[in-house]
Amino acid sequence: MGYGRLTEKKVRYIVRHKRRGKSNREIAFEMRVSVSTVKRVWSYWLTHGEYLPIRKRGRKVKGLSEKEKEIISEAKMKYKLGARRLEKVI
């Protein structure tokens, strides 16, 4: 069973149906999330009184300064290489 990504809509659904007395397994099956996720969302709701905040996934984007961009573009024009090989040159 592949689990889907937890969204704001799913979190609200979980809380709404738990308040109505639906079981964790039923909600998990309907929302395509694990039972432990339903428990985690419900526990957060009981302790904080608000919906579980959804965090962004993946690596954080690191911005480049203008000087770094200039160095990269000059090296790319000079050596005509891709990113992985340019990394060794720079």
C-alpha atoms as a PDB file:
ATOM      1  CA  MET A   1       0.000   0.000   0.000  1.00  0.00           C
ATOM      2  CA  GLY A   2       1.626   3.249  -1.105  1.00  0.00           C
ATOM      3  CA  TYR A   3       1.051   6.179   1.185  1.00  0.00           C
ATOM      4  CA  GLY A   4       0.229   9.601  -0.176  1.00  0.00           C
ATOM      5  CA  ARG A   5       1.560  12.927   0.936  1.00  0.00           C
ATOM      6  CA  LEU A   6      -0.103  14.514   3.941  1.00  0.00           C
ATOM      7  CA  THR A   7      -1.842  17.749   2.951  1.00  0.00           C
ATOM      8  CA  GLU A   8      -3.752  20.465   4.811  1.00  0.00           C
ATOM      9  CA  LYS A   9      -6.996  19.042   3.449  1.00  0.00           C
ATOM     10  CA  LYS A  10      -6.163  15.557   4.760  1.00  0.00           C
ATOM     11  CA  VAL A  11      -5.255  16.929   8.192  1.00  0.00           C
ATOM     12  CA  ARG A  12      -8.604  18.738   8.452  1.00  0.00           C
ATOM     13  CA  TYR A  13     -10.418  15.575   7.293  1.00  0.00           C
ATOM     14  CA  ILE A  14      -8.636  13.447   9.914  1.00  0.00           C
ATOM     15  CA  VAL A  15      -9.532  15.807  12.759  1.00  0.00           C
ATOM     16  CA  ARG A  16     -13.133  16.206  11.598  1.00  0.00           C
ATOM     17  CA  HIS A  17     -13.724  12.448  11.371  1.00  0.00           C
ATOM     18  CA  LYS A  18     -11.910  11.638  14.610  1.00  0.00           C
ATOM     19  CA  ARG A  19     -14.220  14.104  16.387  1.00  0.00           C
ATOM     20  CA  ARG A  20     -17.159  12.176  14.895  1.00  0.00           C
ATOM     21  CA  GLY A  21     -15.787   8.941  16.413  1.00  0.00           C
ATOM     22  CA  LYS A  22     -14.392   7.204  13.343  1.00  0.00           C
ATOM     23  CA  SER A  23     -11.564   4.694  13.920  1.00  0.00           C
ATOM     24  CA  ASN A  24      -7.928   5.377  13.053  1.00  0.00           C
ATOM     25  CA  ARG A  25      -7.815   2.467  10.585  1.00  0.00           C
ATOM     26  CA  GLU A  26     -10.852   3.656   8.660  1.00  0.00           C
ATOM     27  CA  ILE A  27      -9.516   7.190   8.342  1.00  0.00           C
ATOM     28  CA  ALA A  28      -6.042   5.964   7.391  1.00  0.00           C
ATOM     29  CA  PHE A  29      -7.471   3.738   4.668  1.00  0.00           C
ATOM     30  CA  GLU A  30      -9.675   6.494   3.238  1.00  0.00           C
ATOM     31  CA  MET A  31      -6.919   9.142   3.265  1.00  0.00           C
ATOM     32  CA  ARG A  32      -4.181   6.733   2.120  1.00  0.00           C
ATOM     33  CA  VAL A  33      -1.921   7.546   5.067  1.00  0.00           C
ATOM     34  CA  SER A  34      -0.583   5.300   7.827  1.00  0.00           C
ATOM     35  CA  VAL A  35      -2.440   4.693  11.074  1.00  0.00           C
ATOM     36  CA  SER A  36       0.472   6.268  12.960  1.00  0.00           C
ATOM     37  CA  THR A  37       0.026   9.445  10.899  1.00  0.00           C
ATOM     38  CA  VAL A  38      -3.637   9.619  11.926  1.00  0.00           C
ATOM     39  CA  LYS A  39      -2.599   9.163  15.558  1.00  0.00           C
ATOM     40  CA  ARG A  40       0.075  11.861  15.232  1.00  0.00           C
ATOM     41  CA  VAL A  41      -2.370  14.368  13.694  1.00  0.00           C
ATOM     42  CA  TRP A  42      -5.007  13.633  16.319  1.00  0.00           C
ATOM     43  CA  SER A  43      -2.506  13.844  19.197  1.00  0.00           C
ATOM     44  CA  TYR A  44      -1.295  17.225  17.945  1.00  0.00           C
ATOM     45  CA  TRP A  45      -4.891  18.436  17.751  1.00  0.00           C
ATOM     46  CA  LEU A  46      -5.620  17.313  21.330  1.00  0.00           C
ATOM     47  CA  THR A  47      -2.504  18.903  22.829  1.00  0.00           C
ATOM     48  CA  HIS A  48      -2.361  22.165  20.841  1.00  0.00           C
ATOM     49  CA  GLY A  49      -5.973  22.685  19.750  1.00  0.00           C
ATOM     50  CA  GLU A  50      -4.897  23.470  16.176  1.00  0.00           C
ATOM     51  CA  TYR A  51      -4.135  21.605  12.985  1.00  0.00           C
ATOM     52  CA  LEU A  52      -0.764  19.941  12.483  1.00  0.00           C
ATOM     53  CA  PRO A  53       1.456  22.329  10.472  1.00  0.00           C
ATOM     54  CA  ILE A  54       2.654  20.920   7.162  1.00  0.00           C
ATOM     55  CA  ARG A  55       6.360  21.498   6.539  1.00  0.00           C
ATOM     56  CA  LYS A  56       7.988  21.708   3.149  1.00  0.00           C
ATOM     57  CA  ARG A  57       9.852  18.603   2.072  1.00  0.00           C
ATOM     58  CA  GLY A  58      13.232  18.284   0.444  1.00  0.00           C
ATOM     59  CA  ARG A  59      16.443  20.182   0.520  1.00  0.00           C
ATOM     60  CA  LYS A  60      16.368  23.889   1.245  1.00  0.00           C
ATOM     61  CA  VAL A  61      17.268  26.104  -1.692  1.00  0.00           C
ATOM     62  CA  LYS A  62      20.580  27.879  -1.303  1.00  0.00           C
ATOM     63  CA  GLY A  63      20.775  31.194  -3.116  1.00  0.00           C
ATOM     64  CA  LEU A  64      23.861  32.332  -5.017  1.00  0.00           C
ATOM     65  CA  SER A  65      25.401  35.749  -4.756  1.00  0.00           C
ATOM     66  CA  GLU A  66      25.933  37.877  -7.856  1.00  0.00           C
ATOM     67  CA  LYS A  67      29.680  37.258  -7.666  1.00  0.00           C
ATOM     68  CA  GLU A  68      29.177  33.479  -7.574  1.00  0.00           C
ATOM     69  CA  LYS A  69      26.804  33.664 -10.550  1.00  0.00           C
ATOM     70  CA  GLU A  70      29.350  35.688 -12.487  1.00  0.00           C
ATOM     71  CA  ILE A  71      32.156  33.202 -11.727  1.00  0.00           C
ATOM     72  CA  ILE A  72      29.990  30.303 -12.865  1.00  0.00           C
ATOM     73  CA  SER A  73      28.903  31.963 -16.099  1.00  0.00           C
ATOM     74  CA  GLU A  74      32.507  32.945 -16.980  1.00  0.00           C
ATOM     75  CA  ALA A  75      33.767  29.416 -16.307  1.00  0.00           C
ATOM     76  CA  LYS A  76      30.925  27.926 -18.334  1.00  0.00           C
ATOM     77  CA  MET A  77      31.728  30.135 -21.333  1.00  0.00           C
ATOM     78  CA  LYS A  78      35.466  29.462 -21.064  1.00  0.00           C
ATOM     79  CA  TYR A  79      35.429  25.675 -20.519  1.00  0.00           C
ATOM     80  CA  LYS A  80      32.044  24.762 -22.074  1.00  0.00           C
ATOM     81  CA  LEU A  81      31.404  22.077 -19.474  1.00  0.00           C
ATOM     82  CA  GLY A  82      28.355  20.916 -17.535  1.00  0.00           C
ATOM     83  CA  ALA A  83      27.716  21.572 -13.853  1.00  0.00           C
ATOM     84  CA  ARG A  84      29.441  18.470 -12.452  1.00  0.00           C
ATOM     85  CA  ARG A  85      32.685  18.995 -14.373  1.00  0.00           C
ATOM     86  CA  LEU A  86      32.638  22.743 -13.806  1.00  0.00           C
ATOM     87  CA  GLU A  87      32.522  22.106 -10.074  1.00  0.00           C
ATOM     88  CA  LYS A  88      35.983  20.502 -10.271  1.00  0.00           C
ATOM     89  CA  VAL A  89      37.351  23.396 -12.343  1.00  0.00           C
ATOM     90  CA  ILE A  90      35.995  26.115 -10.060  1.00  0.00           C
END
